Amino acid sequence: MSIFNYFLKKHIDKSKLEKFRLKDYDKAINFYEEALKDNKDLKIDPNHIKSYNNRGMIKYDMGFFEDAIKDYDRAIELDNNYFEAYFNRANAEYSLKMYKEALKDYKKALELDTTNNTVIENIKNIEDELGLK
């Protein structure tokens, strides 16, 4: 494990999440930008995938749904079985009234976590909205 990856796991992640928890979004995004910037060691590191997802969550909370989707897309590109990225992307798509896309992502999330009641409920709500029941 590189020194950078060790630092990311032990320090930056905690700081980023604390900034996010305190709603200091700009600083949290800056932490993620630095962590994701041209670091070749992170290309296959699971924390890299989490960083895209977590940065997307911050952008989502700021109301930047399209930008959040781009981060979730990248996390899924790196790990196409990453439940959180599908779930979060579906939430962002739903916020943009992209109901068919959200439904598809919620269904993929349900494949990855078959007992998640929130996902099951969200699927039912979208199907009702789209008149699919």
Foldseek 3Di string as FASTA:
>chain_A
DDPLVVCCVPPLVVVLVVCVVVLVLVVSLVSLCVSQPPDPVCLQPLVVLVSLQVNLVSCVVVVNLVSSLVSLVVSCVNPVLDLSSLQSNLVSCVVVVVLVSSLVSLVSSCVSPVPDPVSVVSNVVSCVVVVVD
